[in-house]
Protein backbone atom coordinates (compact mmCIF):
# COMPACT_ATOMS: atom_id res chain seq x y z
CA MET A 1 141.32 90.79 98.40
CA LYS A 2 144.39 93.02 97.97
CA ARG A 3 144.55 96.55 99.34
CA LEU A 4 146.57 99.76 99.01
CA THR A 5 146.19 102.75 101.30
CA VAL A 6 145.57 105.94 99.34
CA TYR A 7 147.13 109.12 100.72
CA LEU A 8 146.38 112.72 99.80
CA ASN A 9 149.02 115.20 100.97
CA GLY A 10 150.27 112.52 103.35
CA GLU A 11 146.88 111.85 104.95
CA PRO A 12 145.11 108.50 104.46
CA VAL A 13 141.85 109.14 102.59
CA GLY A 14 140.74 105.64 101.67
CA ALA A 15 141.67 102.29 100.22
CA LEU A 16 142.08 100.92 96.71
CA ASP A 17 141.11 97.25 96.56
CA GLN A 18 141.44 94.52 93.99
CA ASP A 19 139.09 91.57 94.32
CA ASP A 20 139.83 87.98 93.32
CA GLY A 21 138.49 88.67 89.83
CA GLY A 22 140.88 91.60 89.34
CA LEU A 23 138.20 94.31 89.67
CA LEU A 24 139.29 97.59 91.23
CA GLY A 25 137.32 99.28 93.98
CA PHE A 26 137.90 102.49 95.92
CA ARG A 27 136.22 103.61 99.13
CA TYR A 28 136.84 106.74 101.20
CA SER A 29 137.55 106.02 104.86
CA PRO A 30 134.94 107.11 107.44
CA GLU A 31 137.66 109.08 109.24
CA TRP A 32 138.36 111.12 106.11
CA LEU A 33 134.69 111.71 105.35
CA ASN A 34 134.13 113.01 108.88
CA LYS A 35 136.82 115.67 108.58
CA PRO A 36 135.54 119.21 107.85
CA GLU A 37 138.41 119.77 105.40
CA ALA A 38 137.85 116.48 103.54
CA ALA A 39 138.29 116.87 99.78
CA ALA A 40 137.56 114.50 96.92
CA LEU A 41 140.44 112.82 95.11
CA SER A 42 138.77 113.60 91.81
CA ARG A 43 135.72 115.19 90.28
CA SER A 44 134.91 111.66 89.11
CA LEU A 45 135.22 110.32 92.70
CA PRO A 46 132.97 112.62 94.76
CA LEU A 47 132.92 112.22 98.53
CA GLN A 48 130.53 109.41 99.45
CA ARG A 49 130.36 106.43 101.80
CA GLU A 50 129.59 103.90 99.08
CA ALA A 51 132.46 102.25 97.22
CA PHE A 52 133.34 103.04 93.59
CA ARG A 53 133.69 99.85 91.58
CA GLY A 54 135.21 98.87 88.25
CA LYS A 55 134.71 101.47 85.53
CA HIS A 56 133.85 104.12 88.13
CA ALA A 57 137.09 103.64 90.11
CA ARG A 58 139.57 102.80 87.35
CA PRO A 59 139.90 106.03 85.27
CA PHE A 60 141.44 108.09 88.07
CA PHE A 61 143.87 105.44 89.31
CA ALA A 62 144.84 104.11 85.86
CA GLY A 63 145.40 107.73 84.85
CA ILE A 64 148.30 107.95 87.31
CA LEU A 65 150.24 105.31 85.38
CA PRO A 66 152.44 105.69 82.27
CA ASP A 67 150.98 105.15 78.82
CA GLU A 68 150.94 101.86 76.94
CA GLY A 69 154.55 101.66 75.68
CA PRO A 70 156.44 102.37 78.92
CA ARG A 71 153.71 100.59 80.87
CA GLN A 72 154.45 97.35 78.96
CA GLN A 73 158.16 97.70 79.66
CA ILE A 74 157.59 98.40 83.36
CA ALA A 75 155.27 95.41 83.71
CA SER A 76 157.83 93.17 82.02
CA ILE A 77 160.62 94.38 84.32
CA LEU A 78 158.46 93.88 87.41
CA GLY A 79 157.17 90.50 86.25
CA ILE A 80 153.50 91.44 86.33
CA SER A 81 150.71 91.81 83.79
CA GLU A 82 150.61 95.11 81.91
CA ARG A 83 146.82 95.11 82.35
CA ASN A 84 147.03 94.85 86.13
CA ASP A 85 146.66 98.49 87.25
CA PHE A 86 146.68 97.49 90.91
CA ALA A 87 149.93 95.52 90.75
CA ILE A 88 151.74 98.31 88.90
CA LEU A 89 150.48 100.95 91.35
CA GLU A 90 151.58 98.73 94.22
CA ARG A 91 155.13 98.79 92.89
CA ILE A 92 155.55 102.35 91.54
CA GLY A 93 152.76 104.41 93.15
CA GLY A 94 154.85 106.23 95.76
CA GLU A 95 155.68 109.47 93.91
CA CYS A 96 152.96 110.40 91.42
CA ALA A 97 151.52 113.47 89.75
CA GLY A 98 149.80 115.75 92.22
CA ALA A 99 149.55 114.86 95.90
CA VAL A 100 148.44 111.22 95.71
CA SER A 101 150.54 108.34 97.00
CA LEU A 102 149.58 104.68 97.17
CA LEU A 103 151.28 102.38 99.67
CA PRO A 104 150.75 98.79 100.76
CA GLU A 105 148.91 98.51 104.05
CA GLY A 106 151.25 98.76 107.00
CA MET A 107 153.91 100.87 105.28
CA PRO A 108 154.77 104.13 107.09
CA SER A 109 152.94 107.32 106.13
CA PRO A 110 154.74 109.26 103.37
CA VAL A 111 154.76 112.52 105.36
CA GLY A 112 158.14 114.20 105.74
CA GLU A 113 160.28 111.69 103.85
CA THR A 114 163.36 113.35 102.32
CA ARG A 115 165.60 110.54 101.12
CA LEU A 116 167.66 111.46 98.08
CA ARG A 117 170.31 109.84 95.93
CA GLU A 118 172.49 112.55 94.48
CA LEU A 119 173.71 111.91 90.96
CA ASP A 120 177.05 112.85 89.48
CA GLU A 121 177.53 113.40 85.75
CA GLN A 122 178.55 109.81 85.08
CA GLU A 123 175.49 108.45 86.91
CA LEU A 124 173.25 110.81 84.95
CA ARG A 125 174.71 109.55 81.69
CA GLU A 126 174.14 105.95 82.74
CA ILE A 127 170.54 106.67 83.73
CA MET A 128 169.80 108.46 80.45
CA ALA A 129 171.15 105.42 78.60
CA GLU A 130 169.09 103.05 80.74
CA LEU A 131 165.80 104.99 80.72
CA PRO A 132 164.56 103.78 77.30
CA ARG A 133 164.93 100.18 78.53
CA ARG A 134 163.79 100.84 82.12
CA PRO A 135 161.09 103.57 82.20
CA LEU A 136 160.98 105.53 85.45
CA LEU A 137 163.84 103.26 86.63
CA ALA A 138 161.20 100.69 87.54
CA GLY A 139 162.48 97.89 89.74
CA GLN A 140 165.47 99.73 91.16
CA ALA A 141 165.69 99.51 94.95
CA GLY A 142 163.99 102.35 96.79
CA ILE A 143 162.45 103.93 93.67
CA ARG A 144 158.64 104.09 93.40
CA LEU A 145 157.90 106.66 90.68
CA SER A 146 154.91 107.02 88.39
CA LEU A 147 154.07 109.64 85.76
CA ALA A 148 151.54 109.47 82.95
CA GLY A 149 152.64 109.85 79.34
CA SER A 150 154.47 107.95 76.63
CA GLN A 151 157.78 109.84 76.58
CA ASP A 152 160.78 108.76 78.62
CA LYS A 153 160.94 110.95 81.73
CA LEU A 154 162.26 110.88 85.25
CA PRO A 155 161.06 112.75 88.35
CA VAL A 156 164.09 114.32 90.04
CA VAL A 157 164.99 116.77 92.78
CA LEU A 158 167.03 119.85 91.94
CA HIS A 159 169.19 120.10 95.05
CA ASP A 160 171.83 122.85 95.30
CA SER A 161 171.98 122.97 91.47
CA ARG A 162 172.58 119.20 91.38
CA LEU A 163 170.10 116.54 90.37
CA ALA A 164 169.04 113.77 92.73
CA LEU A 165 166.65 110.84 92.64
CA PRO A 166 163.79 110.95 95.17
CA LEU A 167 163.68 107.68 97.10
CA GLY A 168 160.61 106.06 98.61
CA ASN A 169 157.90 108.70 98.79
CA THR A 170 160.14 111.79 98.75
CA PRO A 171 158.53 114.46 96.54
CA SER A 172 160.37 115.44 93.37
CA THR A 173 160.70 119.04 92.22
CA HIS A 174 161.41 118.65 88.49
CA ILE A 175 160.88 116.28 85.58
CA LEU A 176 163.84 115.40 83.37
CA LYS A 177 162.99 114.35 79.80
CA PRO A 178 165.73 113.12 77.46
CA GLU A 179 165.27 113.64 73.74
CA PRO A 180 164.00 110.45 72.04
CA GLU A 181 166.07 109.20 69.11
CA ARG A 182 162.86 108.98 67.11
CA PHE A 183 162.29 112.74 67.38
CA PRO A 184 165.56 114.63 66.91
CA GLY A 185 165.14 118.27 67.85
CA LEU A 186 162.29 117.65 70.29
CA VAL A 187 164.04 119.44 73.16
CA ALA A 188 164.64 122.62 71.14
CA ASN A 189 161.08 122.36 69.81
CA GLU A 190 159.50 122.08 73.26
CA VAL A 191 161.74 124.72 74.86
CA LEU A 192 160.83 127.17 72.09
CA CYS A 193 157.09 126.47 72.34
CA MET A 194 157.08 126.73 76.14
CA THR A 195 159.18 129.92 76.05
CA LEU A 196 156.89 131.40 73.42
CA ALA A 197 153.81 130.47 75.48
CA LYS A 198 155.19 132.29 78.49
CA ALA A 199 156.10 135.33 76.39
CA VAL A 200 152.53 135.68 75.07
CA GLY A 201 151.03 135.43 78.56
CA LEU A 202 150.13 131.76 79.06
CA SER A 203 150.81 130.10 82.39
CA VAL A 204 153.52 127.48 81.93
CA PRO A 205 156.14 125.89 84.22
CA PHE A 206 159.74 127.00 83.90
CA VAL A 207 161.76 124.86 81.49
CA THR A 208 165.43 124.77 80.62
CA PRO A 209 167.47 122.69 78.16
CA ARG A 210 170.21 120.57 79.66
CA SER A 211 172.87 118.38 78.08
CA ILE A 212 173.87 115.15 79.78
CA GLY A 213 176.82 113.78 77.89
CA ASP A 214 175.75 113.96 74.25
CA LYS A 215 172.04 113.62 75.14
CA ALA A 216 169.83 116.71 74.87
CA CYS A 217 167.31 116.91 77.72
CA ILE A 218 164.67 119.29 79.00
CA LEU A 219 164.28 119.99 82.71
CA VAL A 220 160.74 121.02 83.68
CA GLN A 221 159.88 122.54 87.04
CA ARG A 222 156.84 120.80 88.55
CA TYR A 223 153.84 123.08 88.98
CA ASP A 224 152.28 120.55 91.38
CA ARG A 225 154.95 121.18 94.01
CA THR A 226 155.65 124.12 96.34
CA ILE A 227 158.92 124.86 98.10
CA SER A 228 158.94 126.72 101.42
CA PRO A 229 161.72 129.15 102.42
CA ASP A 230 163.39 126.40 104.44
CA GLY A 231 163.52 124.16 101.35
CA ALA A 232 160.72 121.77 102.31
CA VAL A 233 158.86 120.42 99.27
CA ALA A 234 155.09 119.94 99.42
CA ARG A 235 152.83 118.24 96.91
CA VAL A 236 149.85 120.06 95.38
CA HIS A 237 146.98 117.88 94.24
CA GLN A 238 146.09 117.77 90.56
CA GLU A 239 144.29 115.62 88.03
CA ASP A 240 144.15 115.67 84.25
CA PHE A 241 140.95 116.23 82.30
CA CYS A 242 140.50 112.52 81.51
CA GLN A 243 140.64 111.67 85.22
CA ALA A 244 138.23 114.48 86.08
CA LEU A 245 135.79 113.36 83.39
CA GLY A 246 136.05 109.67 84.34
CA ILE A 247 137.60 108.66 81.02
CA PRO A 248 140.26 105.88 81.08
CA PRO A 249 143.71 106.91 79.79
CA GLU A 250 143.67 104.62 76.77
CA ARG A 251 140.78 106.75 75.42
CA LYS A 252 142.53 110.12 75.71
CA TYR A 253 142.02 110.97 72.01
CA GLN A 254 138.65 112.17 70.74
CA GLN A 255 138.66 109.68 67.86
CA GLU A 256 139.00 106.87 70.45
CA GLY A 257 136.12 108.09 72.60
CA GLY A 258 138.08 110.71 74.53
CA PRO A 259 137.01 114.17 75.63
CA LEU A 260 135.48 116.67 73.23
CA LEU A 261 136.14 120.37 73.58
CA ARG A 262 132.57 120.90 74.67
CA ASP A 263 133.07 118.32 77.45
CA CYS A 264 136.16 120.16 78.70
CA ILE A 265 134.54 123.59 78.70
CA ALA A 266 131.32 122.27 80.26
CA MET A 267 133.42 120.65 83.00
CA LEU A 268 135.25 123.92 83.70
CA ARG A 269 131.95 125.79 83.71
CA GLU A 270 130.58 123.42 86.36
CA TRP A 271 133.66 122.44 88.40
CA SER A 272 136.16 125.31 88.40
CA THR A 273 135.93 127.78 91.28
CA ALA A 274 136.74 130.57 88.78
CA PRO A 275 135.03 129.34 85.59
CA VAL A 276 135.10 132.62 83.66
CA LEU A 277 138.87 132.94 84.05
CA ASP A 278 139.61 129.26 83.50
CA ILE A 279 137.47 128.96 80.37
CA ARG A 280 139.20 132.03 78.95
CA ASP A 281 142.63 130.57 79.78
CA PHE A 282 141.71 127.12 78.42
CA LEU A 283 140.59 128.78 75.20
CA ASP A 284 143.93 130.60 75.01
CA GLY A 285 145.73 127.27 75.46
CA LEU A 286 143.62 125.71 72.72
CA ILE A 287 144.32 128.59 70.33
CA PHE A 288 148.03 128.48 71.13
CA ASN A 289 148.22 124.73 70.47
CA MET A 290 146.63 125.37 67.07
CA LEU A 291 149.08 128.21 66.40
CA ILE A 292 152.15 126.11 67.14
CA GLY A 293 150.78 123.16 65.16
CA ASN A 294 150.34 120.76 68.08
CA ALA A 295 147.95 118.01 67.00
CA ASP A 296 148.64 116.00 70.19
CA ALA A 297 146.90 118.23 72.77
CA HIS A 298 144.65 115.47 74.16
CA GLY A 299 142.62 115.14 77.34
CA LYS A 300 145.61 114.18 79.48
CA ASN A 301 147.55 117.27 78.40
CA TYR A 302 145.21 119.59 80.30
CA SER A 303 144.88 119.43 84.08
CA LEU A 304 143.21 120.89 87.14
CA LEU A 305 145.08 122.09 90.20
CA TYR A 306 143.57 121.87 93.70
CA ARG A 307 144.87 124.24 96.34
CA GLY A 308 143.34 125.99 99.35
CA GLY A 309 139.80 124.95 98.45
CA GLU A 310 140.16 126.26 94.89
CA ARG A 311 139.80 124.16 91.73
CA ARG A 312 141.63 125.88 88.89
CA LEU A 313 143.04 125.17 85.46
CA ALA A 314 146.68 124.08 85.80
CA PRO A 315 149.56 125.62 83.83
CA PHE A 316 150.01 124.27 80.32
CA TYR A 317 152.65 121.62 79.60
CA ASP A 318 153.95 119.39 76.78
CA LEU A 319 153.59 122.20 74.24
CA VAL A 320 155.24 120.94 71.04
CA CYS A 321 154.94 121.68 67.32
CA THR A 322 154.09 118.20 66.02
CA LEU A 323 154.00 119.56 62.46
CA ALA A 324 157.81 119.62 62.63
CA TRP A 325 157.62 115.87 61.90
CA PRO A 326 155.58 115.45 58.68
CA GLU A 327 155.05 111.73 59.34
CA LEU A 328 152.98 112.38 62.50
CA SER A 329 149.19 112.48 62.41
CA LYS A 330 147.65 115.84 61.64
CA THR A 331 144.30 114.88 63.15
CA PRO A 332 143.71 117.09 66.19
CA ALA A 333 143.47 115.15 69.43
CA MET A 334 140.44 117.34 70.18
CA LYS A 335 138.84 118.64 67.01
CA ILE A 336 138.04 122.27 66.29
CA GLY A 337 134.58 122.32 64.74
CA GLN A 338 134.99 118.76 63.38
CA SER A 339 138.09 119.62 61.32
CA ASP A 340 140.03 116.45 60.52
CA SER A 341 143.40 118.16 60.06
CA ILE A 342 145.28 120.75 62.06
CA GLU A 343 146.39 122.21 58.72
CA THR A 344 142.88 122.90 57.42
CA ILE A 345 141.11 124.61 60.33
CA THR A 346 139.09 127.48 58.88
CA LEU A 347 137.10 130.39 60.25
CA ALA A 348 133.97 128.23 59.83
CA HIS A 349 135.48 125.52 62.05
CA TRP A 350 136.22 128.05 64.80
CA LYS A 351 132.67 129.40 64.59
CA LYS A 352 131.23 125.88 64.77
CA MET A 353 133.39 125.13 67.83
CA THR A 354 132.11 128.33 69.44
CA GLU A 355 128.51 127.19 68.95
CA GLU A 356 129.23 123.67 70.24
CA THR A 357 130.86 124.98 73.41
CA ARG A 358 128.28 127.76 74.00
CA LEU A 359 130.91 130.49 73.91
CA GLY A 360 130.47 133.95 72.44
CA TRP A 361 132.01 134.43 69.00
CA PRO A 362 133.14 138.06 69.67
CA MET A 363 135.13 136.84 72.70
CA VAL A 364 136.62 133.89 70.82
CA ARG A 365 137.54 136.07 67.86
CA GLU A 366 139.17 138.60 70.17
CA ARG A 367 141.27 135.88 71.88
CA ILE A 368 142.36 134.42 68.52
CA THR A 369 143.30 137.82 67.10
CA GLY A 370 145.11 138.90 70.25
CA LEU A 371 147.18 135.71 70.52
CA CYS A 372 148.09 135.80 66.83
CA ARG A 373 149.35 139.36 67.14
CA LYS A 374 151.28 138.67 70.34
CA THR A 375 152.85 135.54 68.85
CA ARG A 376 154.01 137.36 65.71
CA ALA A 377 155.40 140.24 67.76
CA VAL A 378 157.40 137.89 70.00
CA LEU A 379 158.75 135.90 67.06
CA GLN A 380 159.90 139.09 65.38
CA ASP A 381 161.96 139.89 68.50
CA SER A 382 164.49 137.06 68.54
CA ARG A 383 165.67 138.01 72.05
CA ALA A 384 162.27 136.98 73.43
CA TRP A 385 162.38 133.39 72.21
CA GLU A 386 165.95 132.50 71.33
CA THR A 387 166.85 129.19 72.98
CA PRO A 388 170.27 127.58 73.31
CA GLY A 389 171.05 124.31 71.58
CA ASP A 390 169.56 123.20 68.27
CA ALA A 391 169.19 126.54 66.46
CA ALA A 392 168.12 124.92 63.17
CA THR A 393 165.13 123.20 64.81
CA ALA A 394 164.17 126.36 66.69
CA ASP A 395 164.27 128.40 63.47
CA ARG A 396 162.20 125.81 61.61
CA VAL A 397 159.55 125.69 64.34
CA ALA A 398 159.49 129.49 64.60
CA SER A 399 158.86 129.70 60.84
CA ILE A 400 155.98 127.23 61.06
CA VAL A 401 154.39 129.12 63.95
CA GLU A 402 154.84 132.54 62.33
CA ALA A 403 153.22 131.34 59.10
CA ARG A 404 150.29 129.82 60.99
CA ALA A 405 149.77 132.96 63.10
CA SER A 406 149.84 135.16 59.99
CA SER A 407 147.38 132.90 58.16
CA LEU A 408 144.94 132.71 61.06
CA LEU A 409 145.13 136.45 61.63
CA GLN A 410 144.40 137.08 57.95
CA SER A 411 141.36 134.79 58.10
CA MET A 412 139.94 136.84 60.99
CA LYS A 413 139.62 139.95 58.79
């Protein structure tokens, strides 16, 4: 039997085990369960004395890890099996999304660690060159980082306007994402979409483009971190929708058995501490993803944030116009009224989605119309969305979004 201690906000809450057959198990500690302030790690892992085994334990913990491509590379670098969730978490589970840390038994508690490795421009260039071959810098001494997703990314600390690597279990403050060679213009695309989202009233983290050598990057402020006046960084717990629904990460797309829109809205209706507001905001995020032509808004691209006893929809992230690359799939990750293409969603599809999710059509129609009008107004004022860098990509994406907003608005008449 192998064991990792699971921490939430620096407090031990239980243990993740792996038996001799490789099966995962998680059990909350009696000490945690006896605390008045005890909270569950996940909606899919409610507080209980019995252990969660196998398929009941795995979705949350596997959901902490990177997606298949970088996961394979990390496993190869570390000399372990890519299917061994436990072994990968043991090596890189120190600094994760939200407030969860996993440490081998006997290692010191992660509370209060502030070890940093400041990076100069040359080191940043070297890391950006190395990242495609070594995701999350896996295997480097002192670095135990894990983030879900398939894109190259690196948790960093913005320290006195300089970037630093968090060592051990030091919390990061930002995520640095270099532009993949496969998707030229992605940084300008994402910066525009995130800037536009903020301008029309959606909750999104602050993003800024950054050049490191000749590599375009995007620096994203973490919404699952808080910084006190004295500069201390604290983690805020979060989980994505797949984790909350108990769905393993390899099934994040609807066509692979992932969440349906009705599952997401039903979960918010039952689990959020402000369901009316969160369902409205989730609907706005859904509409906005359709407006920008983002077919990749799957179950791991929506999250819940846990703070002060509240369970709320997290800010939106990874907002990108995937239609900017014609070769990418146009099948929505979560379908609107069973539409098979993000380019052919009609008024009938929206009405069918409204029925499936038990929402009111007048409210849905009002949100669609309002967001279309706001989006067009912002795009017509270039000062509201102009982003530095790749102007050609930004203009192309803006044209796609404006055309889609105009078309959807016309269909609402």
